[in-house]
Amino acid sequence: MSLEIEIYLNQLAQGIKSVNKAVEWFVDLADNFQLDVLTKLAFFILQAGGLGRDVEEAIFLSGLRKTYTPCQLLLKAQRDEPEGNILLKQVLTKAINLPENERQKSFRLLLALFSIADKRKRSRGLDPDKYWWHRDLSDDVIVDEILSEN
């Protein structure tokens, strides 16, 4: 996956870019690239410290119904391991591997979950010199610097 896409996903999680446009972008991706994007989002969620207790808020933020399959999968992590992420990791893998007709929902839900985990992590203070994703991704100059450095 390209650095541009990783930056884009982080910008979405930070509310810099439009989620509705991102959903359109995601739907137009090739089948295997959709899976790559979902896999990367799951990785970002876990790296940002996503927890089972974040799921209900993510469902609300995503605008999805709790009855949708990806939501039901992730709600298991909230019920059974609210303060951990071992079960969350397992159900994220299941959500990624749902049939193609469920991927758009999974994308919305995982993006919302990443946003929640990332926001919590940012509230604790970050060192922008340590990782590019801690920098101000709303600034095009900084994004250009990140792309030229890597």
Protein backbone atom coordinates (compact mmCIF):
# COMPACT_ATOMS: atom_id res chain seq x y z
CA MET A 1 0.00 0.00 0.00
CA SER A 2 1.27 3.44 -0.90
CA LEU A 3 2.21 6.10 1.59
CA GLU A 4 -0.35 8.39 -0.05
CA ILE A 5 -3.13 5.96 0.89
CA GLU A 6 -1.83 5.62 4.45
CA ILE A 7 -1.80 9.42 4.77
CA TYR A 8 -5.32 9.55 3.34
CA LEU A 9 -6.62 7.01 5.86
CA ASN A 10 -5.03 8.97 8.70
CA GLN A 11 -6.55 12.21 7.35
CA LEU A 12 -9.96 10.51 7.32
CA ALA A 13 -9.54 9.34 10.91
CA GLN A 14 -8.56 12.86 11.96
CA GLY A 15 -11.61 14.37 10.23
CA ILE A 16 -9.52 16.24 7.68
CA LYS A 17 -11.07 14.54 4.66
CA SER A 18 -14.69 13.67 3.87
CA VAL A 19 -15.80 10.17 4.88
CA ASN A 20 -18.61 10.19 2.28
CA LYS A 21 -16.11 10.82 -0.51
CA ALA A 22 -13.86 8.15 0.99
CA VAL A 23 -16.69 5.61 0.83
CA GLU A 24 -17.16 6.41 -2.87
CA TRP A 25 -13.40 6.01 -3.36
CA PHE A 26 -13.41 2.69 -1.49
CA VAL A 27 -16.33 1.25 -3.46
CA ASP A 28 -14.51 1.99 -6.72
CA LEU A 29 -11.36 0.12 -5.65
CA ALA A 30 -10.48 -3.29 -7.04
CA ASP A 31 -11.50 -6.25 -4.88
CA ASN A 32 -7.99 -7.07 -3.63
CA PHE A 33 -7.21 -3.42 -2.91
CA GLN A 34 -10.36 -3.11 -0.79
CA LEU A 35 -9.04 -5.98 1.32
CA ASP A 36 -5.65 -4.24 1.60
CA VAL A 37 -7.32 -1.03 2.81
CA LEU A 38 -9.42 -2.88 5.39
CA THR A 39 -6.35 -4.79 6.60
CA LYS A 40 -4.39 -1.56 6.96
CA LEU A 41 -7.26 0.07 8.88
CA ALA A 42 -7.37 -2.89 11.28
CA PHE A 43 -3.62 -2.53 11.81
CA PHE A 44 -4.00 1.22 12.47
CA ILE A 45 -6.84 0.57 14.95
CA LEU A 46 -4.71 -1.80 16.97
CA GLN A 47 -1.63 0.44 16.80
CA ALA A 48 -3.70 3.40 18.01
CA GLY A 49 -4.88 1.36 20.99
CA GLY A 50 -8.42 0.50 19.92
CA LEU A 51 -10.42 -1.30 22.61
CA GLY A 52 -13.58 -3.34 22.76
CA ARG A 53 -15.33 -0.49 24.59
CA ASP A 54 -14.87 1.75 21.51
CA VAL A 55 -17.17 -0.34 19.33
CA GLU A 56 -20.55 1.11 20.31
CA GLU A 57 -19.32 4.66 19.76
CA ALA A 58 -17.82 3.60 16.42
CA ILE A 59 -21.16 2.16 15.32
CA PHE A 60 -22.86 5.44 16.21
CA LEU A 61 -20.16 7.51 14.48
CA SER A 62 -20.31 5.34 11.35
CA GLY A 63 -24.07 5.74 11.02
CA LEU A 64 -24.53 1.98 10.70
CA ARG A 65 -27.21 -0.11 12.36
CA LYS A 66 -26.14 -2.39 15.18
CA THR A 67 -27.81 -5.28 13.37
CA TYR A 68 -25.37 -5.17 10.43
CA THR A 69 -22.95 -8.08 10.36
CA PRO A 70 -19.71 -6.10 10.85
CA CYS A 71 -21.29 -4.33 13.83
CA GLN A 72 -22.45 -7.59 15.38
CA LEU A 73 -18.95 -9.04 15.01
CA LEU A 74 -17.30 -6.10 16.72
CA LEU A 75 -19.93 -5.86 19.44
CA LYS A 76 -18.71 -9.26 20.61
CA ALA A 77 -15.39 -7.61 21.50
CA GLN A 78 -17.22 -4.92 23.44
CA ARG A 79 -19.28 -7.47 25.38
CA ASP A 80 -16.54 -9.98 26.10
CA GLU A 81 -13.40 -7.84 26.36
CA PRO A 82 -14.25 -4.13 26.76
CA GLU A 83 -10.85 -3.07 28.09
CA GLY A 84 -8.72 -5.21 25.80
CA ASN A 85 -7.97 -5.74 22.15
CA ILE A 86 -7.10 -9.42 21.74
CA LEU A 87 -10.68 -10.33 20.86
CA LEU A 88 -10.98 -7.08 18.91
CA LYS A 89 -8.08 -8.21 16.72
CA GLN A 90 -9.86 -11.51 16.04
CA VAL A 91 -13.19 -9.92 15.13
CA LEU A 92 -11.48 -7.28 12.97
CA THR A 93 -10.03 -10.12 10.92
CA LYS A 94 -13.51 -11.58 10.53
CA ALA A 95 -14.95 -8.19 9.52
CA ILE A 96 -12.25 -7.79 6.86
CA ASN A 97 -13.06 -11.19 5.41
CA LEU A 98 -16.82 -10.74 5.16
CA PRO A 99 -18.37 -11.11 1.69
CA GLU A 100 -17.89 -8.27 -0.79
CA ASN A 101 -21.40 -6.90 -0.19
CA GLU A 102 -20.43 -6.18 3.47
CA ARG A 103 -17.15 -4.38 2.76
CA GLN A 104 -18.53 -0.87 2.53
CA LYS A 105 -20.07 -1.28 5.99
CA SER A 106 -16.82 -2.73 7.32
CA PHE A 107 -14.92 0.22 5.85
CA ARG A 108 -17.21 2.76 7.53
CA LEU A 109 -17.05 0.93 10.86
CA LEU A 110 -13.29 0.41 10.87
CA LEU A 111 -12.70 4.00 9.87
CA ALA A 112 -14.86 5.20 12.77
CA LEU A 113 -13.10 2.85 15.18
CA PHE A 114 -9.70 4.09 13.99
CA SER A 115 -10.86 7.68 14.46
CA ILE A 116 -11.91 7.02 18.07
CA ALA A 117 -8.69 5.21 19.00
CA ASP A 118 -6.54 7.82 17.27
CA LYS A 119 -8.36 10.70 18.98
CA ARG A 120 -7.81 9.11 22.40
CA LYS A 121 -4.14 8.56 21.64
CA ARG A 122 -3.72 12.16 20.45
CA SER A 123 -5.36 13.48 23.62
CA ARG A 124 -2.45 12.03 25.59
CA GLY A 125 0.08 14.04 23.61
CA LEU A 126 2.25 12.85 20.76
CA ASP A 127 5.76 13.51 19.53
CA PRO A 128 5.33 14.75 15.95
CA ASP A 129 9.02 14.18 15.24
CA LYS A 130 8.81 10.48 16.08
CA TYR A 131 6.22 9.35 13.48
CA TRP A 132 4.86 11.06 10.39
CA TRP A 133 1.24 10.22 11.33
CA HIS A 134 1.58 12.37 14.46
CA ARG A 135 2.21 15.44 12.34
CA ASP A 136 -0.38 17.96 11.14
CA LEU A 137 -1.81 16.14 8.13
CA SER A 138 -4.15 19.03 7.37
CA ASP A 139 -1.14 21.04 6.20
CA ASP A 140 -0.32 20.30 2.55
CA VAL A 141 3.28 21.45 3.04
CA ILE A 142 3.79 18.91 5.80
CA VAL A 143 2.15 16.16 3.73
CA ASP A 144 4.49 17.01 0.83
CA GLU A 145 7.48 16.86 3.21
CA ILE A 146 6.36 13.43 4.47
CA LEU A 147 6.01 12.15 0.92
CA SER A 148 9.42 13.47 -0.13
CA GLU A 149 11.15 12.10 3.01
CA ASN A 150 9.87 8.56 2.50
